Amino acid sequence: MEKQHITIEEAQKQVDNWIKTIGVRYFSELTNMAILTEEVGELARIIARKYGDQSFKKSDEKYDLGDEMADVLWVLICLANQTGVDLTKAFRKNMEKKTTRDKDRHSNNTKLY
């Protein structure tokens, strides 16, 4: 199966189309913020069990790391769409900020070596 690439802009459009054709409407921004928090918690649960010190419970077997990450991304895209944030522009601007601000910070951090 060939990998299918998608841009952030395309993802924002796909989510918006899904919401408008299948999802009826966006939940309120406050509701989506609460859902985002819930989804990040589910992701944290899997990370804590897979890479941390917690052991898996039988109820954890239904969780899939990639699916949980996609849930977080989905709700983040919903929030971006409904608040008018272009995530492509925001990501580029954020990368520039980090690159300028942290140009030497990490290479000078002896804890990373």
N, C-alpha and C. Protein backbone atom coordinates (compact mmCIF):
# COMPACT_ATOMS: atom_id res chain seq x y z
N MET A 1 0.84 -1.18 0.00
CA MET A 1 0.00 0.00 0.00
C MET A 1 0.89 1.25 0.00
N GLU A 2 0.61 2.16 -0.89
CA GLU A 2 1.39 3.38 -1.02
C GLU A 2 0.99 4.38 0.05
N LYS A 3 2.01 5.05 0.61
CA LYS A 3 1.72 6.08 1.61
C LYS A 3 1.03 7.25 0.95
N GLN A 4 0.02 7.74 1.62
CA GLN A 4 -0.70 8.91 1.13
C GLN A 4 -0.36 10.09 2.03
N HIS A 5 0.25 11.11 1.45
CA HIS A 5 0.63 12.29 2.22
C HIS A 5 -0.52 13.29 2.22
N ILE A 6 -0.61 14.01 3.32
CA ILE A 6 -1.64 15.03 3.46
C ILE A 6 -1.00 16.25 4.12
N THR A 7 -1.33 17.40 3.61
CA THR A 7 -0.82 18.62 4.22
C THR A 7 -1.69 19.00 5.41
N ILE A 8 -1.19 19.89 6.22
CA ILE A 8 -1.98 20.38 7.34
C ILE A 8 -3.22 21.10 6.81
N GLU A 9 -3.04 21.87 5.74
CA GLU A 9 -4.16 22.58 5.13
C GLU A 9 -5.23 21.61 4.65
N GLU A 10 -4.81 20.52 4.02
CA GLU A 10 -5.77 19.51 3.56
C GLU A 10 -6.48 18.85 4.73
N ALA A 11 -5.75 18.60 5.82
CA ALA A 11 -6.36 18.01 7.01
C ALA A 11 -7.42 18.95 7.58
N GLN A 12 -7.11 20.24 7.62
CA GLN A 12 -8.09 21.20 8.13
C GLN A 12 -9.34 21.20 7.25
N LYS A 13 -9.16 21.12 5.94
CA LYS A 13 -10.31 21.10 5.03
C LYS A 13 -11.11 19.81 5.17
N GLN A 14 -10.42 18.68 5.31
CA GLN A 14 -11.12 17.40 5.46
C GLN A 14 -11.95 17.36 6.73
N VAL A 15 -11.37 17.83 7.83
CA VAL A 15 -12.11 17.86 9.10
C VAL A 15 -13.32 18.77 8.97
N ASP A 16 -13.14 19.94 8.39
CA ASP A 16 -14.24 20.88 8.22
C ASP A 16 -15.35 20.27 7.37
N ASN A 17 -14.97 19.60 6.29
CA ASN A 17 -15.96 18.95 5.43
C ASN A 17 -16.70 17.84 6.18
N TRP A 18 -15.98 17.06 6.95
CA TRP A 18 -16.61 15.98 7.72
C TRP A 18 -17.60 16.55 8.73
N ILE A 19 -17.17 17.59 9.44
CA ILE A 19 -18.06 18.22 10.43
C ILE A 19 -19.34 18.71 9.76
N LYS A 20 -19.20 19.35 8.61
CA LYS A 20 -20.36 19.95 7.94
C LYS A 20 -21.25 18.93 7.24
N THR A 21 -20.73 17.76 6.89
CA THR A 21 -21.54 16.77 6.17
C THR A 21 -21.98 15.60 7.03
N ILE A 22 -21.20 15.26 8.03
CA ILE A 22 -21.52 14.09 8.87
C ILE A 22 -21.72 14.48 10.33
N GLY A 23 -20.90 15.39 10.82
CA GLY A 23 -20.93 15.76 12.23
C GLY A 23 -21.96 16.80 12.61
N VAL A 24 -22.73 17.28 11.68
CA VAL A 24 -23.79 18.27 11.87
C VAL A 24 -23.21 19.67 12.11
N ARG A 25 -22.44 19.85 13.18
CA ARG A 25 -21.82 21.14 13.48
C ARG A 25 -20.67 20.92 14.44
N TYR A 26 -19.83 21.95 14.57
CA TYR A 26 -18.76 21.89 15.56
C TYR A 26 -19.36 21.97 16.95
N PHE A 27 -18.77 21.24 17.89
CA PHE A 27 -19.08 21.46 19.29
C PHE A 27 -18.54 22.85 19.64
N SER A 28 -18.98 23.42 20.74
CA SER A 28 -18.46 24.72 21.15
C SER A 28 -16.96 24.62 21.42
N GLU A 29 -16.30 25.76 21.37
CA GLU A 29 -14.87 25.78 21.63
C GLU A 29 -14.55 25.24 23.03
N LEU A 30 -15.37 25.59 24.00
CA LEU A 30 -15.14 25.08 25.36
C LEU A 30 -15.31 23.57 25.45
N THR A 31 -16.32 23.06 24.76
CA THR A 31 -16.51 21.61 24.73
C THR A 31 -15.33 20.94 24.06
N ASN A 32 -14.90 21.49 22.92
CA ASN A 32 -13.75 20.88 22.23
C ASN A 32 -12.47 20.98 23.06
N MET A 33 -12.32 22.03 23.84
CA MET A 33 -11.15 22.12 24.72
C MET A 33 -11.19 21.01 25.77
N ALA A 34 -12.36 20.76 26.31
CA ALA A 34 -12.51 19.67 27.29
C ALA A 34 -12.25 18.32 26.63
N ILE A 35 -12.74 18.15 25.40
CA ILE A 35 -12.51 16.89 24.67
C ILE A 35 -11.02 16.72 24.37
N LEU A 36 -10.35 17.82 24.00
CA LEU A 36 -8.91 17.75 23.74
C LEU A 36 -8.17 17.29 24.99
N THR A 37 -8.54 17.83 26.12
CA THR A 37 -7.92 17.44 27.38
C THR A 37 -8.15 15.95 27.66
N GLU A 38 -9.36 15.49 27.40
CA GLU A 38 -9.69 14.07 27.58
C GLU A 38 -8.83 13.20 26.65
N GLU A 39 -8.71 13.60 25.39
CA GLU A 39 -7.94 12.82 24.43
C GLU A 39 -6.45 12.80 24.78
N VAL A 40 -5.92 13.93 25.26
CA VAL A 40 -4.52 13.96 25.69
C VAL A 40 -4.33 13.03 26.89
N GLY A 41 -5.33 12.97 27.77
CA GLY A 41 -5.26 12.05 28.91
C GLY A 41 -5.21 10.60 28.46
N GLU A 42 -6.00 10.25 27.45
CA GLU A 42 -5.98 8.88 26.93
C GLU A 42 -4.63 8.56 26.30
N LEU A 43 -4.06 9.52 25.61
CA LEU A 43 -2.73 9.35 25.03
C LEU A 43 -1.70 9.17 26.14
N ALA A 44 -1.78 9.99 27.16
CA ALA A 44 -0.85 9.90 28.29
C ALA A 44 -0.94 8.54 28.97
N ARG A 45 -2.15 8.01 29.07
CA ARG A 45 -2.35 6.69 29.69
C ARG A 45 -1.56 5.61 28.95
N ILE A 46 -1.63 5.63 27.62
CA ILE A 46 -0.92 4.63 26.83
C ILE A 46 0.59 4.84 26.92
N ILE A 47 1.03 6.09 26.85
CA ILE A 47 2.47 6.38 26.94
C ILE A 47 3.01 5.92 28.31
N ALA A 48 2.25 6.20 29.38
CA ALA A 48 2.69 5.82 30.74
C ALA A 48 2.81 4.31 30.87
N ARG A 49 1.96 3.58 30.17
CA ARG A 49 1.99 2.13 30.28
C ARG A 49 3.02 1.50 29.32
N LYS A 50 3.13 2.07 28.13
CA LYS A 50 4.03 1.49 27.13
C LYS A 50 5.49 1.89 27.37
N TYR A 51 5.71 3.14 27.76
CA TYR A 51 7.08 3.64 27.92
C TYR A 51 7.43 3.99 29.35
N GLY A 52 6.44 4.06 30.22
CA GLY A 52 6.68 4.42 31.61
C GLY A 52 6.65 3.20 32.51
N ASP A 53 6.43 3.45 33.76
CA ASP A 53 6.51 2.41 34.77
C ASP A 53 5.19 1.71 35.06
N GLN A 54 4.08 2.24 34.56
CA GLN A 54 2.80 1.61 34.83
C GLN A 54 2.62 0.36 33.98
N SER A 55 1.92 -0.62 34.53
CA SER A 55 1.64 -1.84 33.77
C SER A 55 0.28 -1.71 33.09
N PHE A 56 0.12 -2.46 32.01
CA PHE A 56 -1.14 -2.44 31.27
C PHE A 56 -2.22 -3.16 32.06
N LYS A 57 -3.43 -2.65 31.95
CA LYS A 57 -4.61 -3.33 32.48
C LYS A 57 -5.33 -3.95 31.30
N LYS A 58 -6.18 -4.89 31.55
CA LYS A 58 -6.95 -5.53 30.49
C LYS A 58 -7.72 -4.47 29.69
N SER A 59 -8.25 -3.47 30.36
CA SER A 59 -9.04 -2.43 29.69
C SER A 59 -8.18 -1.53 28.79
N ASP A 60 -6.86 -1.58 28.95
CA ASP A 60 -5.97 -0.76 28.12
C ASP A 60 -5.71 -1.37 26.75
N GLU A 61 -6.04 -2.64 26.57
CA GLU A 61 -5.73 -3.33 25.33
C GLU A 61 -6.45 -2.74 24.13
N LYS A 62 -7.57 -2.07 24.37
CA LYS A 62 -8.34 -1.50 23.27
C LYS A 62 -7.70 -0.24 22.69
N TYR A 63 -6.76 0.36 23.42
CA TYR A 63 -6.15 1.61 22.98
C TYR A 63 -5.01 1.36 22.00
N ASP A 64 -4.94 2.23 21.00
CA ASP A 64 -3.89 2.17 19.99
C ASP A 64 -3.18 3.52 20.00
N LEU A 65 -1.87 3.52 20.14
CA LEU A 65 -1.10 4.76 20.28
C LEU A 65 -1.34 5.71 19.12
N GLY A 66 -1.25 5.22 17.90
CA GLY A 66 -1.47 6.07 16.73
C GLY A 66 -2.87 6.63 16.68
N ASP A 67 -3.85 5.82 17.02
CA ASP A 67 -5.23 6.28 17.01
C ASP A 67 -5.45 7.36 18.06
N GLU A 68 -4.83 7.20 19.21
CA GLU A 68 -4.96 8.22 20.27
C GLU A 68 -4.30 9.53 19.84
N MET A 69 -3.16 9.45 19.18
CA MET A 69 -2.52 10.66 18.66
C MET A 69 -3.40 11.33 17.61
N ALA A 70 -4.02 10.52 16.75
CA ALA A 70 -4.91 11.06 15.72
C ALA A 70 -6.14 11.73 16.35
N ASP A 71 -6.64 11.17 17.45
CA ASP A 71 -7.76 11.80 18.16
C ASP A 71 -7.38 13.19 18.66
N VAL A 72 -6.17 13.32 19.21
CA VAL A 72 -5.68 14.61 19.69
C VAL A 72 -5.58 15.58 18.51
N LEU A 73 -5.01 15.11 17.40
CA LEU A 73 -4.86 15.96 16.23
C LEU A 73 -6.21 16.40 15.69
N TRP A 74 -7.17 15.48 15.64
CA TRP A 74 -8.52 15.79 15.15
C TRP A 74 -9.14 16.95 15.92
N VAL A 75 -9.13 16.85 17.24
CA VAL A 75 -9.77 17.88 18.06
C VAL A 75 -8.99 19.19 17.97
N LEU A 76 -7.67 19.12 17.90
CA LEU A 76 -6.87 20.33 17.72
C LEU A 76 -7.22 21.01 16.41
N ILE A 77 -7.39 20.23 15.35
CA ILE A 77 -7.79 20.79 14.06
C ILE A 77 -9.19 21.40 14.15
N CYS A 78 -10.10 20.75 14.85
CA CYS A 78 -11.43 21.33 15.05
C CYS A 78 -11.32 22.70 15.70
N LEU A 79 -10.54 22.80 16.77
CA LEU A 79 -10.37 24.08 17.46
C LEU A 79 -9.74 25.13 16.54
N ALA A 80 -8.77 24.73 15.75
CA ALA A 80 -8.14 25.67 14.81
C ALA A 80 -9.17 26.16 13.80
N ASN A 81 -9.94 25.24 13.24
CA ASN A 81 -10.94 25.62 12.25
C ASN A 81 -11.96 26.60 12.81
N GLN A 82 -12.46 26.31 13.98
CA GLN A 82 -13.54 27.14 14.50
C GLN A 82 -13.05 28.46 15.09
N THR A 83 -11.75 28.59 15.31
CA THR A 83 -11.22 29.86 15.81
C THR A 83 -10.45 30.62 14.73
N GLY A 84 -10.46 30.09 13.50
CA GLY A 84 -9.83 30.78 12.38
C GLY A 84 -8.32 30.71 12.34
N VAL A 85 -7.73 29.70 12.94
CA VAL A 85 -6.28 29.56 12.93
C VAL A 85 -5.85 28.70 11.74
N ASP A 86 -4.96 29.25 10.93
CA ASP A 86 -4.33 28.50 9.84
C ASP A 86 -3.14 27.78 10.45
N LEU A 87 -3.28 26.48 10.66
CA LEU A 87 -2.24 25.72 11.35
C LEU A 87 -0.93 25.65 10.56
N THR A 88 -1.01 25.71 9.24
CA THR A 88 0.22 25.72 8.44
C THR A 88 1.03 26.97 8.75
N LYS A 89 0.38 28.13 8.70
CA LYS A 89 1.07 29.38 9.01
C LYS A 89 1.55 29.40 10.46
N ALA A 90 0.70 28.95 11.36
CA ALA A 90 1.05 28.95 12.78
C ALA A 90 2.24 28.03 13.04
N PHE A 91 2.27 26.86 12.38
CA PHE A 91 3.38 25.93 12.57
C PHE A 91 4.68 26.51 12.03
N ARG A 92 4.63 27.09 10.84
CA ARG A 92 5.84 27.71 10.25
C ARG A 92 6.37 28.82 11.17
N LYS A 93 5.48 29.67 11.64
CA LYS A 93 5.88 30.76 12.52
C LYS A 93 6.48 30.21 13.81
N ASN A 94 5.90 29.14 14.35
CA ASN A 94 6.38 28.54 15.59
C ASN A 94 7.76 27.91 15.38
N MET A 95 7.97 27.26 14.23
CA MET A 95 9.28 26.68 13.93
C MET A 95 10.35 27.76 13.83
N GLU A 96 10.00 28.87 13.18
CA GLU A 96 10.94 29.99 13.08
C GLU A 96 11.29 30.53 14.46
N LYS A 97 10.27 30.67 15.31
CA LYS A 97 10.49 31.16 16.68
C LYS A 97 11.42 30.23 17.44
N LYS A 98 11.14 28.94 17.38
CA LYS A 98 11.96 27.96 18.10
C LYS A 98 13.39 27.95 17.56
N THR A 99 13.53 28.03 16.25
CA THR A 99 14.85 27.99 15.63
C THR A 99 15.68 29.20 16.05
N THR A 100 15.07 30.37 16.06
CA THR A 100 15.77 31.59 16.47
C THR A 100 16.07 31.56 17.97
N ARG A 101 15.08 31.25 18.75
CA ARG A 101 15.21 31.29 20.21
C ARG A 101 16.16 30.22 20.73
N ASP A 102 16.08 29.02 20.14
CA ASP A 102 16.81 27.88 20.69
C ASP A 102 18.01 27.46 19.85
N LYS A 103 18.50 28.39 19.01
CA LYS A 103 19.60 28.07 18.09
C LYS A 103 20.76 27.37 18.80
N ASP A 104 21.16 27.85 19.95
CA ASP A 104 22.29 27.26 20.67
C ASP A 104 21.88 26.59 21.98
N ARG A 105 20.65 26.79 22.38
CA ARG A 105 20.21 26.32 23.70
C ARG A 105 20.40 24.82 23.90
N HIS A 106 19.97 24.02 22.96
CA HIS A 106 20.03 22.57 23.15
C HIS A 106 21.44 22.02 22.92
N SER A 107 22.16 22.60 21.96
CA SER A 107 23.52 22.12 21.72
C SER A 107 24.44 22.48 22.89
N ASN A 108 24.09 23.48 23.68
CA ASN A 108 24.88 23.85 24.86
C ASN A 108 24.40 23.18 26.14
N ASN A 109 23.38 22.35 26.04
CA ASN A 109 22.83 21.66 27.22
C ASN A 109 23.60 20.36 27.45
N THR A 110 24.44 20.36 28.44
CA THR A 110 25.26 19.17 28.73
C THR A 110 24.42 17.96 29.15
N LYS A 111 23.20 18.20 29.60
CA LYS A 111 22.33 17.08 30.00
C LYS A 111 21.91 16.24 28.80
N LEU A 112 22.03 16.80 27.59
CA LEU A 112 21.62 16.07 26.39
C LEU A 112 22.74 15.22 25.80
N TYR A 113 23.92 15.29 26.40
CA TYR A 113 25.05 14.50 25.88
C TYR A 113 25.41 13.39 26.81
